[in-house]
Amino acid sequence: MSSKDKNKTTFLDRFSSIRMPGQPKKSSSFRDRKSVHHDNGGFREEQDSMMPQVSSLTNREVEAMFEKMLEDMNLSEDKKAPLREKSLEMKKEMVAGYINRTAAVSRNTSKSDSMKPQDYIHEMKQLSVGERLYSTVSSLRVSLTSNPVSWVQNFGDEGLNTLLHILEECYQSDGRTEKKIQHECVRSLKAFMNNKYGLRQMLEKEDGLTILARSVDADNPAIMTDAIKILAAVCLVPNGHDKVLDAITVNAEVADRERLLPIIEGLNTDNASLKVACVQFINALTSTPDDLDFRLHLRNEFMRAGLIHQISELHKTANEELYIQLRVFEEQKEEDFEELSHRYNDIRIELDDVREVFELVKNTVSDNSAEPYFLSILQHLVLIRDDAWARPQYFKLIEECVAQIVLHKSGVDPDFRTKRFQVDVEPLIEGLVDKAKVEEAEFKTEELQKQLEHELTARQESEAKMALNTATYEGKIKEYETKVAELENRIKVGGIPAGTGVPPPPPPPGGIPPPPPPPGGIPPPPPPPPGGGPPPP
């Protein structure tokens, strides 16, 4: 291997072990360090001291070191993206300056801060529960918080196992020292998980979240606040929701209690930070699943555990953060109810055939414990008496009851633990009676409206006919009046003019004129002689 290759290897090894300062964004943290200057010239000297070695690397090696730097800085992808767009020369300068600064921090750190991950692991394994162990775990938390991701990776799986083992030991006693160490262990886990590597390691640990979830205890509000915040954050990462739910379920089964009860107990405390953290956890747990039924199930489980009685009291608390979380809870609940209502409307539209719906429900309950209850419901429906008026009212009442149970706006399921529960149907009956009265009044009003419209139509038709006849009669009257006036004028000026017809002659004296001769040429008989005797033979 050439000397150049040896220098390159040493340089890469040095880069892999660089450390992050405790507060990299504050320039004051570098003021007392000899290798850092306060002017731009000093910063340029930092870069120049490593530039020859950086410049000797290939472009691929520079890019790899640049990505390593971004990873050690624990930057999000959104913040990494613009930095990756920088030129190669700018990346070299950034890498050189970053190495110089981290090396300067390493030289000026105190002895406790310079402990390596393996030193912490060895010391924690050797120490028993006590003040010295508390001091070591507290120092570990600071190191996990201030060092780059590479330091956390070196702490690794072995360090995580050691930390979880100490946390389990603290659960065995309620002593003050044990609680202090427990709190520092929880805070150390939070620092360890504050990057992709640590989070992945914790999720892959079979009992990691289960051990952490044991710290969800309202008797220790400060510890529970930090623990519940970690669990709420884990709910939002892929596969985290199921693991958190499994963790609190396992602990509940061991303690023989409801799994969500510790969260409700946390809401009963006077610790405002714990209340906010608990509502944050409730929102994270109930809003993450994609399945509507699962979201409703979890929210209803919280309600049954006691949240329904806490909501009104929480709204009275004068805390802006708590108010925001409660508003988020209410908005999510309303959105889920609206989605459920839309599903019901879709069912009404798509499943409008009685036989089809019956077969669907029958197939849903067949061969499971719900089938006997479904059969009992049908048998009770058969008992509804055969009355033309009463039967529809019965079914209306039953439909109202079912709708209020299945589509209840409060988001609360009935308490299924009781064998019987009272349903107050009096308001429903009163509503149905009022509804029936309204429907009857509406029916009568509709009939009267139809009659009124019929009468108005008939009246309009009669008026139209009358108007038409009146116009016709008035025209004829005017025509006759005109003719009479013309005749009167003619009479005044000289009688009826010629050509208008001669009046027939008056009849002869003595009676009726003789009839005309009969057909065939036979003359008529002569008239009788004067005196009235019969004619001669």
Protein backbone atom coordinates (compact mmCIF):
# COMPACT_ATOMS: atom_id res chain seq x y z
CA MET A 1 0.00 0.00 0.00
CA SER A 2 1.44 3.43 -0.96
CA SER A 3 1.94 6.24 1.53
CA LYS A 4 -0.82 8.15 -0.21
CA ASP A 5 -3.23 5.25 0.28
CA LYS A 6 -2.20 4.96 3.93
CA ASN A 7 -2.87 8.65 4.52
CA LYS A 8 -6.25 8.29 2.80
CA THR A 9 -7.20 5.31 4.98
CA THR A 10 -6.21 7.13 8.14
CA PHE A 11 -8.23 10.13 7.03
CA LEU A 12 -11.34 8.03 6.34
CA ASP A 13 -11.02 6.31 9.71
CA ARG A 14 -10.78 9.69 11.34
CA PHE A 15 -13.91 10.83 9.55
CA SER A 16 -15.86 7.77 10.68
CA SER A 17 -15.23 8.62 14.32
CA ILE A 18 -16.04 12.34 14.22
CA ARG A 19 -18.31 13.77 16.87
CA MET A 20 -20.99 16.42 16.86
CA PRO A 21 -20.78 19.37 19.27
CA GLY A 22 -23.46 19.67 21.90
CA GLN A 23 -24.89 22.85 20.39
CA PRO A 24 -23.63 23.13 16.81
CA LYS A 25 -25.91 26.05 15.91
CA LYS A 26 -24.58 28.38 18.63
CA SER A 27 -21.32 30.12 17.72
CA SER A 28 -20.65 30.76 21.41
CA SER A 29 -19.94 27.04 21.91
CA PHE A 30 -16.75 27.46 19.87
CA ARG A 31 -15.40 30.66 21.40
CA ASP A 32 -13.03 29.06 23.88
CA ARG A 33 -11.59 26.52 21.47
CA LYS A 34 -8.07 27.23 20.21
CA SER A 35 -8.67 25.71 16.79
CA VAL A 36 -11.63 27.96 16.04
CA HIS A 37 -11.24 31.63 15.13
CA HIS A 38 -13.84 34.38 15.42
CA ASP A 39 -13.45 35.81 11.95
CA ASN A 40 -13.96 34.53 8.44
CA GLY A 41 -10.22 34.13 7.99
CA GLY A 42 -10.07 31.71 10.91
CA PHE A 43 -12.90 29.64 9.48
CA ARG A 44 -11.08 29.53 6.15
CA GLU A 45 -7.98 28.29 7.95
CA GLU A 46 -10.08 25.45 9.40
CA GLN A 47 -11.08 24.39 5.94
CA ASP A 48 -7.62 24.83 4.46
CA SER A 49 -6.01 22.60 7.09
CA MET A 50 -7.89 19.55 5.76
CA MET A 51 -8.43 20.61 2.13
CA PRO A 52 -5.28 18.93 0.78
CA GLN A 53 -6.41 15.55 2.12
CA VAL A 54 -10.00 16.08 1.00
CA SER A 55 -8.83 17.16 -2.46
CA SER A 56 -6.83 13.96 -2.82
CA LEU A 57 -10.02 11.87 -2.62
CA THR A 58 -11.98 10.73 -5.63
CA ASN A 59 -15.36 12.27 -6.40
CA ARG A 60 -17.10 9.09 -5.25
CA GLU A 61 -15.25 9.16 -1.91
CA VAL A 62 -16.13 12.84 -1.42
CA GLU A 63 -19.80 12.09 -2.05
CA ALA A 64 -19.67 9.16 0.38
CA MET A 65 -18.07 11.32 3.06
CA PHE A 66 -20.59 14.07 2.41
CA GLU A 67 -23.49 11.63 2.92
CA LYS A 68 -21.79 10.39 6.07
CA MET A 69 -21.62 13.96 7.32
CA LEU A 70 -25.31 14.50 6.63
CA GLU A 71 -26.16 11.25 8.38
CA ASP A 72 -24.06 12.16 11.43
CA MET A 73 -25.81 15.50 11.63
CA ASN A 74 -29.15 13.61 11.83
CA LEU A 75 -30.77 15.84 9.22
CA SER A 76 -34.15 15.12 7.70
CA GLU A 77 -34.48 14.41 4.00
CA ASP A 78 -36.01 17.84 3.42
CA LYS A 79 -32.90 19.49 4.84
CA LYS A 80 -30.52 17.14 3.07
CA ALA A 81 -31.97 17.81 -0.38
CA PRO A 82 -30.71 21.42 -0.87
CA LEU A 83 -27.27 20.50 0.49
CA ARG A 84 -26.95 17.69 -2.04
CA GLU A 85 -27.42 20.25 -4.82
CA LYS A 86 -24.18 22.01 -3.88
CA SER A 87 -21.18 21.81 -6.19
CA LEU A 88 -18.43 19.26 -5.59
CA GLU A 89 -15.96 21.96 -4.49
CA MET A 90 -18.47 23.32 -1.97
CA LYS A 91 -19.02 19.81 -0.62
CA LYS A 92 -15.27 19.36 -0.16
CA GLU A 93 -15.09 22.61 1.80
CA MET A 94 -18.05 21.61 3.97
CA VAL A 95 -16.55 18.20 4.72
CA ALA A 96 -13.17 19.69 5.59
CA GLY A 97 -14.66 22.31 7.86
CA TYR A 98 -16.94 19.76 9.52
CA ILE A 99 -14.02 17.43 10.31
CA ASN A 100 -11.97 20.27 11.78
CA ARG A 101 -14.79 21.49 13.99
CA THR A 102 -15.68 18.05 15.32
CA ALA A 103 -12.02 17.25 15.92
CA ALA A 104 -11.68 20.50 17.88
CA VAL A 105 -14.68 19.59 20.00
CA SER A 106 -13.14 16.17 20.73
CA ARG A 107 -9.91 17.75 21.93
CA ASN A 108 -11.68 20.21 24.22
CA THR A 109 -14.33 17.98 25.79
CA SER A 110 -14.19 17.01 29.42
CA LYS A 111 -13.15 13.58 30.55
CA SER A 112 -16.72 12.44 31.18
CA ASP A 113 -17.84 13.64 27.74
CA SER A 114 -14.99 11.79 26.07
CA MET A 115 -16.23 8.37 27.19
CA LYS A 116 -16.78 5.97 24.35
CA PRO A 117 -19.96 3.92 23.91
CA GLN A 118 -18.17 0.77 25.07
CA ASP A 119 -17.04 2.56 28.22
CA TYR A 120 -20.66 3.33 29.13
CA ILE A 121 -21.78 -0.20 28.37
CA HIS A 122 -18.99 -1.73 30.49
CA GLU A 123 -19.64 0.62 33.41
CA MET A 124 -23.42 0.08 33.40
CA LYS A 125 -22.94 -3.67 33.41
CA GLN A 126 -20.57 -3.52 36.37
CA LEU A 127 -22.54 -1.13 38.58
CA SER A 128 -25.49 -2.03 40.77
CA VAL A 129 -28.48 0.24 41.37
CA GLY A 130 -27.25 3.31 43.20
CA GLU A 131 -26.16 6.92 42.84
CA ARG A 132 -23.13 6.02 40.75
CA LEU A 133 -25.28 4.17 38.26
CA TYR A 134 -27.64 7.14 38.17
CA SER A 135 -24.71 9.43 37.37
CA THR A 136 -23.52 7.12 34.59
CA VAL A 137 -26.95 6.82 32.95
CA SER A 138 -27.43 10.58 33.22
CA SER A 139 -24.07 11.13 31.49
CA LEU A 140 -25.05 8.58 28.85
CA ARG A 141 -28.23 10.54 28.09
CA VAL A 142 -26.15 13.68 27.44
CA SER A 143 -23.77 11.76 25.17
CA LEU A 144 -26.63 10.19 23.20
CA THR A 145 -28.16 13.63 22.76
CA SER A 146 -25.02 15.54 21.78
CA ASN A 147 -23.07 13.04 19.70
CA PRO A 148 -23.63 12.22 16.02
CA VAL A 149 -25.52 9.23 14.77
CA SER A 150 -22.28 7.30 14.32
CA TRP A 151 -21.79 7.42 18.11
CA VAL A 152 -25.30 6.07 18.63
CA GLN A 153 -24.56 3.30 16.13
CA ASN A 154 -21.45 2.37 18.08
CA PHE A 155 -23.57 2.22 21.24
CA GLY A 156 -25.74 -0.11 19.20
CA ASP A 157 -27.75 -3.14 20.13
CA GLU A 158 -25.55 -4.10 23.08
CA GLY A 159 -25.98 -0.70 24.66
CA LEU A 160 -29.75 -0.79 24.08
CA ASN A 161 -30.01 -4.20 25.75
CA THR A 162 -28.02 -2.95 28.74
CA LEU A 163 -30.23 0.12 29.06
CA LEU A 164 -33.44 -1.94 28.92
CA HIS A 165 -32.05 -4.38 31.49
CA ILE A 166 -31.37 -1.54 33.95
CA LEU A 167 -34.87 -0.19 33.32
CA GLU A 168 -36.37 -3.59 34.17
CA GLU A 169 -34.37 -3.71 37.42
CA CYS A 170 -35.77 -0.32 38.41
CA TYR A 171 -39.31 -1.70 38.17
CA GLN A 172 -38.51 -4.13 40.98
CA SER A 173 -38.38 -1.39 43.62
CA ASP A 174 -40.17 1.86 44.39
CA GLY A 175 -37.15 3.51 45.98
CA ARG A 176 -36.28 7.09 45.23
CA THR A 177 -32.95 6.20 43.59
CA GLU A 178 -34.61 3.56 41.43
CA LYS A 179 -37.16 6.10 40.20
CA LYS A 180 -34.39 8.57 39.37
CA ILE A 181 -32.50 5.93 37.38
CA GLN A 182 -35.76 4.82 35.72
CA HIS A 183 -36.42 8.38 34.56
CA GLU A 184 -32.90 8.74 33.17
CA CYS A 185 -33.25 5.40 31.36
CA VAL A 186 -36.48 6.58 29.71
CA ARG A 187 -34.84 9.86 28.69
CA SER A 188 -31.81 7.95 27.37
CA LEU A 189 -34.10 5.75 25.28
CA LYS A 190 -35.72 8.88 23.89
CA ALA A 191 -32.27 10.22 22.87
CA PHE A 192 -31.30 6.82 21.43
CA MET A 193 -34.48 6.70 19.32
CA ASN A 194 -34.15 10.26 18.06
CA ASN A 195 -32.74 9.05 14.73
CA LYS A 196 -33.61 6.43 12.12
CA TYR A 197 -31.04 3.92 13.36
CA GLY A 198 -32.09 4.05 17.02
CA LEU A 199 -35.79 3.98 16.16
CA ARG A 200 -35.32 0.95 13.92
CA GLN A 201 -33.32 -0.86 16.60
CA MET A 202 -36.03 -0.22 19.19
CA LEU A 203 -38.81 -1.43 16.91
CA GLU A 204 -36.88 -4.58 16.04
CA LYS A 205 -36.37 -5.35 19.72
CA GLU A 206 -39.06 -7.86 20.63
CA ASP A 207 -39.73 -6.56 24.14
CA GLY A 208 -38.28 -3.07 23.87
CA LEU A 209 -41.54 -1.11 23.75
CA THR A 210 -43.14 -3.50 26.24
CA ILE A 211 -40.45 -2.68 28.81
CA LEU A 212 -40.79 1.03 28.09
CA ALA A 213 -44.59 0.88 28.35
CA ARG A 214 -44.29 -0.25 31.98
CA SER A 215 -43.26 3.34 32.77
CA VAL A 216 -46.77 4.49 31.85
CA ASP A 217 -47.78 4.87 35.48
CA ALA A 218 -49.71 7.86 36.79
CA ASP A 219 -48.06 7.47 40.20
CA ASN A 220 -44.87 8.85 38.58
CA PRO A 221 -46.14 11.73 36.40
CA ALA A 222 -42.76 12.99 35.19
CA ILE A 223 -41.62 9.54 34.05
CA MET A 224 -44.98 8.75 32.50
CA THR A 225 -44.94 12.04 30.56
CA ASP A 226 -41.67 11.18 28.81
CA ALA A 227 -42.68 7.55 28.24
CA ILE A 228 -46.07 8.36 26.79
CA LYS A 229 -44.56 10.97 24.45
CA ILE A 230 -42.19 8.34 23.05
CA LEU A 231 -45.05 5.88 22.51
CA ALA A 232 -47.16 8.58 20.81
CA ALA A 233 -44.31 9.33 18.40
CA VAL A 234 -43.78 5.65 17.64
CA CYS A 235 -47.49 5.32 16.74
CA LEU A 236 -46.91 7.61 13.77
CA VAL A 237 -44.08 5.59 12.16
CA PRO A 238 -44.69 2.57 9.91
CA ASN A 239 -45.49 -0.58 11.92
CA GLY A 240 -45.16 1.44 15.12
CA HIS A 241 -48.87 1.62 15.90
CA ASP A 242 -49.34 -2.13 16.16
CA LYS A 243 -46.21 -2.54 18.30
CA VAL A 244 -47.31 0.18 20.74
CA LEU A 245 -50.76 -1.36 21.02
CA ASP A 246 -49.23 -4.78 21.62
CA ALA A 247 -46.91 -3.35 24.29
CA ILE A 248 -49.68 -1.74 26.36
CA THR A 249 -51.86 -4.84 25.86
CA VAL A 250 -49.18 -7.18 27.21
CA ASN A 251 -48.62 -4.99 30.26
CA ALA A 252 -52.36 -4.81 30.89
CA GLU A 253 -52.68 -8.58 30.75
CA VAL A 254 -49.82 -9.01 33.23
CA ALA A 255 -51.36 -6.42 35.58
CA ASP A 256 -54.89 -7.80 34.98
CA ARG A 257 -56.46 -4.45 34.15
CA GLU A 258 -57.88 -2.58 31.17
CA ARG A 259 -55.10 -1.69 28.78
CA LEU A 260 -56.11 1.95 28.35
CA LEU A 261 -56.87 2.63 32.01
CA PRO A 262 -53.37 4.06 32.82
CA ILE A 263 -53.94 6.77 30.19
CA ILE A 264 -57.24 7.77 31.80
CA GLU A 265 -55.54 7.78 35.21
CA GLY A 266 -52.97 10.16 33.77
CA LEU A 267 -55.78 12.54 32.83
CA ASN A 268 -56.99 12.48 36.44
CA THR A 269 -53.74 13.95 37.78
CA ASP A 270 -53.00 17.63 38.39
CA ASN A 271 -49.97 17.52 36.09
CA ALA A 272 -50.79 19.68 33.05
CA SER A 273 -47.89 18.33 30.96
CA LEU A 274 -49.02 14.76 31.58
CA LYS A 275 -52.59 15.61 30.56
CA VAL A 276 -51.37 17.10 27.28
CA ALA A 277 -49.14 14.07 26.64
CA CYS A 278 -52.02 11.66 27.32
CA VAL A 279 -54.38 13.41 24.90
CA GLN A 280 -51.57 13.48 22.32
CA PHE A 281 -51.20 9.73 22.74
CA ILE A 282 -54.97 9.22 22.41
CA ASN A 283 -55.00 11.22 19.17
CA ALA A 284 -52.00 9.33 17.79
CA LEU A 285 -53.47 5.94 18.66
CA THR A 286 -57.00 6.64 17.38
CA SER A 287 -56.17 8.56 14.19
CA THR A 288 -53.34 6.48 12.71
CA PRO A 289 -55.22 3.34 11.50
CA ASP A 290 -56.59 3.53 7.97
CA ASP A 291 -59.56 1.32 8.82
CA LEU A 292 -62.58 3.30 10.02
CA ASP A 293 -63.93 0.47 12.15
CA PHE A 294 -60.60 0.11 13.96
CA ARG A 295 -60.45 3.86 14.67
CA LEU A 296 -63.99 3.81 16.05
CA HIS A 297 -63.18 0.73 18.12
CA LEU A 298 -60.13 2.36 19.77
CA ARG A 299 -61.95 5.63 20.42
CA ASN A 300 -64.91 3.80 21.94
CA GLU A 301 -62.54 1.77 24.10
CA PHE A 302 -61.05 5.00 25.47
CA MET A 303 -64.55 6.30 26.10
CA ARG A 304 -65.57 3.19 28.01
CA ALA A 305 -62.37 3.33 30.03
CA GLY A 306 -63.47 6.70 31.40
CA LEU A 307 -62.58 9.34 28.82
CA ILE A 308 -66.25 10.21 28.35
CA HIS A 309 -66.35 11.47 31.92
CA GLN A 310 -63.07 13.38 31.56
CA ILE A 311 -63.79 15.34 28.39
CA SER A 312 -65.90 18.04 30.03
CA GLU A 313 -63.42 18.50 32.88
CA LEU A 314 -60.49 18.73 30.49
CA HIS A 315 -62.24 21.51 28.58
CA LYS A 316 -62.34 23.53 31.79
CA THR A 317 -58.54 23.42 32.12
CA ALA A 318 -56.90 26.68 31.12
CA ASN A 319 -54.13 25.24 28.96
CA GLU A 320 -53.63 26.21 25.33
CA GLU A 321 -51.75 23.03 24.35
CA LEU A 322 -54.41 20.87 25.96
CA TYR A 323 -57.14 22.84 24.22
CA ILE A 324 -55.46 22.25 20.84
CA GLN A 325 -55.21 18.50 21.45
CA LEU A 326 -58.85 18.31 22.56
CA ARG A 327 -59.92 20.17 19.45
CA VAL A 328 -57.98 17.69 17.32
CA PHE A 329 -59.72 14.84 19.13
CA GLU A 330 -63.18 16.32 18.53
CA GLU A 331 -62.47 17.05 14.86
CA GLN A 332 -61.23 13.52 14.22
CA LYS A 333 -64.26 12.08 15.97
CA GLU A 334 -66.62 14.20 13.86
CA GLU A 335 -64.82 13.23 10.65
CA ASP A 336 -65.11 9.54 11.50
CA PHE A 337 -68.80 9.90 12.32
CA GLU A 338 -69.37 11.70 9.03
CA GLU A 339 -67.57 8.91 7.19
CA LEU A 340 -69.71 6.35 9.03
CA SER A 341 -72.85 8.27 8.05
CA HIS A 342 -71.74 8.31 4.44
CA ARG A 343 -71.24 4.57 4.63
CA TYR A 344 -74.83 4.22 5.90
CA ASN A 345 -76.08 6.39 3.05
CA ASP A 346 -74.14 4.25 0.58
CA ILE A 347 -75.71 1.15 2.09
CA ARG A 348 -79.17 2.68 1.70
CA ILE A 349 -78.46 3.48 -1.95
CA GLU A 350 -76.65 0.29 -2.96
CA LEU A 351 -78.55 -2.21 -0.80
CA ASP A 352 -82.19 -1.34 -1.38
CA ASP A 353 -83.49 -4.90 -1.80
CA VAL A 354 -84.88 -6.52 1.36
CA ARG A 355 -83.81 -10.04 0.42
CA GLU A 356 -80.31 -8.92 -0.51
CA VAL A 357 -79.80 -7.09 2.79
CA PHE A 358 -81.22 -10.00 4.77
CA GLU A 359 -78.86 -12.46 3.09
CA LEU A 360 -75.93 -10.14 3.75
CA VAL A 361 -76.70 -9.85 7.46
CA LYS A 362 -77.40 -13.57 7.72
CA ASN A 363 -74.05 -14.42 6.14
CA THR A 364 -72.34 -11.98 8.51
CA VAL A 365 -73.65 -13.68 11.66
CA SER A 366 -73.74 -17.26 10.42
CA ASP A 367 -71.61 -19.77 12.32
CA ASN A 368 -70.54 -17.35 15.04
CA SER A 369 -71.75 -16.30 18.48
CA ALA A 370 -73.89 -13.48 17.05
CA GLU A 371 -76.22 -15.84 15.19
CA PRO A 372 -78.49 -16.75 18.17
CA TYR A 373 -79.04 -13.07 18.94
CA PHE A 374 -79.89 -12.32 15.33
CA LEU A 375 -82.40 -15.19 15.36
CA SER A 376 -83.89 -13.85 18.59
CA ILE A 377 -84.31 -10.41 17.02
CA LEU A 378 -86.17 -11.90 14.07
CA GLN A 379 -88.38 -13.98 16.39
CA HIS A 380 -89.32 -10.87 18.35
CA LEU A 381 -90.14 -9.06 15.13
CA VAL A 382 -92.56 -11.85 14.23
CA LEU A 383 -94.47 -11.16 17.49
CA ILE A 384 -95.42 -7.65 16.42
CA ARG A 385 -99.20 -7.73 16.27
CA ASP A 386 -100.88 -7.61 12.90
CA ASP A 387 -102.39 -4.16 12.98
CA ALA A 388 -102.37 -1.95 9.93
CA TRP A 389 -101.66 1.18 11.98
CA ALA A 390 -99.56 -0.24 14.84
CA ARG A 391 -97.14 -2.36 12.81
CA PRO A 392 -95.48 0.59 11.00
CA GLN A 393 -95.16 2.43 14.31
CA TYR A 394 -93.42 -0.56 15.90
CA PHE A 395 -90.92 -0.76 13.08
CA LYS A 396 -90.34 2.98 13.19
CA LEU A 397 -89.55 2.73 16.90
CA ILE A 398 -87.20 -0.22 16.37
CA GLU A 399 -85.46 1.57 13.50
CA GLU A 400 -84.91 4.65 15.67
CA CYS A 401 -83.43 2.54 18.48
CA VAL A 402 -81.08 0.68 16.15
CA ALA A 403 -79.97 3.90 14.47
CA GLN A 404 -79.16 5.55 17.80
CA ILE A 405 -77.20 2.52 18.97
CA VAL A 406 -75.22 1.99 15.77
CA LEU A 407 -74.80 5.65 14.72
CA HIS A 408 -74.46 7.31 18.09
CA LYS A 409 -72.94 10.80 17.78
CA SER A 410 -71.16 10.59 21.15
CA GLY A 411 -68.90 7.89 19.73
CA VAL A 412 -69.59 5.58 22.66
CA ASP A 413 -70.53 1.94 22.36
CA PRO A 414 -72.95 0.47 24.89
CA ASP A 415 -71.40 -1.12 27.96
CA PHE A 416 -71.31 -4.70 26.70
CA ARG A 417 -70.12 -6.00 30.06
CA THR A 418 -73.60 -5.72 31.53
CA LYS A 419 -76.21 -8.35 30.73
CA ARG A 420 -78.95 -5.77 30.55
CA PHE A 421 -78.99 -2.08 29.90
CA GLN A 422 -81.90 0.35 29.95
CA VAL A 423 -82.97 2.09 26.78
CA ASP A 424 -85.07 5.18 27.39
CA VAL A 425 -87.63 4.89 24.61
CA GLU A 426 -90.03 7.51 25.96
CA PRO A 427 -88.36 10.36 24.06
CA LEU A 428 -88.36 8.17 20.98
CA ILE A 429 -92.07 7.39 21.38
CA GLU A 430 -92.87 11.05 21.92
CA GLY A 431 -90.85 11.86 18.86
CA LEU A 432 -92.65 9.22 16.84
CA VAL A 433 -96.04 10.50 18.04
CA ASP A 434 -95.11 14.02 17.10
CA LYS A 435 -93.73 12.76 13.84
CA ALA A 436 -96.95 10.85 13.14
CA LYS A 437 -99.00 13.95 13.91
CA VAL A 438 -96.84 16.01 11.63
CA GLU A 439 -97.09 13.42 8.89
CA GLU A 440 -100.88 13.28 9.29
CA ALA A 441 -101.10 17.08 9.22
CA GLU A 442 -98.85 17.17 6.19
CA PHE A 443 -101.03 14.54 4.48
CA LYS A 444 -104.19 16.52 5.19
CA THR A 445 -102.54 19.71 4.08
CA GLU A 446 -101.44 18.03 0.89
CA GLU A 447 -104.98 16.75 0.22
CA LEU A 448 -106.45 20.20 0.87
CA GLN A 449 -103.84 21.71 -1.35
CA LYS A 450 -104.78 19.31 -4.13
CA GLN A 451 -108.50 20.15 -3.69
CA LEU A 452 -107.72 23.85 -3.68
CA GLU A 453 -105.66 23.51 -6.84
CA HIS A 454 -108.50 21.52 -8.47
CA GLU A 455 -111.09 24.15 -7.53
CA LEU A 456 -108.86 26.95 -8.74
CA THR A 457 -108.32 25.15 -12.03
CA ALA A 458 -112.07 24.59 -12.48
CA ARG A 459 -112.79 28.22 -11.65
CA GLN A 460 -110.21 29.43 -14.11
CA GLU A 461 -111.68 27.19 -16.82
CA SER A 462 -115.21 28.48 -16.05
CA GLU A 463 -114.05 32.07 -16.14
CA ALA A 464 -112.32 31.43 -19.45
CA LYS A 465 -115.45 29.87 -20.95
CA MET A 466 -117.60 32.68 -19.57
CA ALA A 467 -115.29 35.27 -21.01
CA LEU A 468 -115.39 33.51 -24.39
CA ASN A 469 -119.22 33.25 -24.38
CA THR A 470 -119.58 36.86 -23.28
CA ALA A 471 -117.42 38.01 -26.15
CA THR A 472 -119.44 35.90 -28.62
CA TYR A 473 -122.77 37.17 -27.31
CA GLU A 474 -121.61 40.76 -27.30
CA GLY A 475 -120.54 40.37 -30.96
CA LYS A 476 -123.93 38.98 -31.99
CA ILE A 477 -125.77 41.68 -30.08
CA LYS A 478 -123.76 44.34 -31.84
CA GLU A 479 -124.45 42.66 -35.18
CA TYR A 480 -128.21 42.61 -34.49
CA GLU A 481 -128.17 46.16 -33.27
CA THR A 482 -126.48 47.19 -36.49
CA LYS A 483 -129.11 45.41 -38.64
CA VAL A 484 -132.00 46.96 -36.67
CA ALA A 485 -130.50 50.37 -37.07
CA GLU A 486 -130.20 49.88 -40.86
CA LEU A 487 -133.82 48.75 -41.12
CA GLU A 488 -135.02 51.71 -39.12
CA ASN A 489 -133.15 54.07 -41.41
CA ARG A 490 -134.61 52.50 -44.54
CA ILE A 491 -138.13 52.75 -43.18
CA LYS A 492 -137.64 56.42 -42.42
CA VAL A 493 -136.41 57.27 -45.90
CA GLY A 494 -139.21 55.58 -47.92
CA GLY A 495 -140.07 52.07 -47.02
CA ILE A 496 -138.62 48.88 -48.11
CA PRO A 497 -136.97 49.18 -51.57
CA ALA A 498 -137.96 47.07 -54.59
CA GLY A 499 -136.61 43.66 -54.96
CA THR A 500 -137.01 42.92 -51.39
CA GLY A 501 -140.17 40.80 -51.99
CA VAL A 502 -144.02 41.42 -52.37
CA PRO A 503 -146.26 40.46 -49.50
CA PRO A 504 -148.74 37.63 -50.27
CA PRO A 505 -152.36 38.57 -51.20
CA PRO A 506 -154.95 38.44 -48.49
CA PRO A 507 -157.27 35.38 -48.40
CA PRO A 508 -160.72 35.64 -50.21
CA PRO A 509 -163.78 36.44 -48.20
CA GLY A 510 -165.82 33.59 -46.99
CA GLY A 511 -163.23 31.12 -45.89
CA ILE A 512 -160.33 29.14 -47.08
CA PRO A 513 -159.43 29.29 -50.81
CA PRO A 514 -160.07 26.21 -52.91
CA PRO A 515 -157.33 23.67 -53.07
CA PRO A 516 -155.37 23.29 -56.28
CA PRO A 517 -156.52 20.67 -58.83
CA PRO A 518 -155.40 17.13 -58.14
CA PRO A 519 -152.86 15.58 -60.40
CA GLY A 520 -154.04 13.87 -63.57
CA GLY A 521 -155.99 16.78 -65.14
CA ILE A 522 -159.34 16.25 -63.38
CA PRO A 523 -160.80 19.66 -62.60
CA PRO A 524 -161.82 20.35 -59.11
CA PRO A 525 -165.48 20.33 -58.13
CA PRO A 526 -167.32 23.61 -58.47
CA PRO A 527 -167.80 25.70 -55.43
CA PRO A 528 -170.98 25.34 -53.49
CA PRO A 529 -173.85 27.65 -54.43
CA PRO A 530 -174.89 30.42 -52.24
CA GLY A 531 -177.11 29.29 -49.47
CA GLY A 532 -174.92 26.46 -48.24
CA GLY A 533 -176.77 23.52 -49.87
CA PRO A 534 -175.08 20.42 -51.24
CA PRO A 535 -173.86 20.53 -54.82
CA PRO A 536 -176.08 19.03 -57.56
CA PRO A 537 -175.48 15.42 -58.61
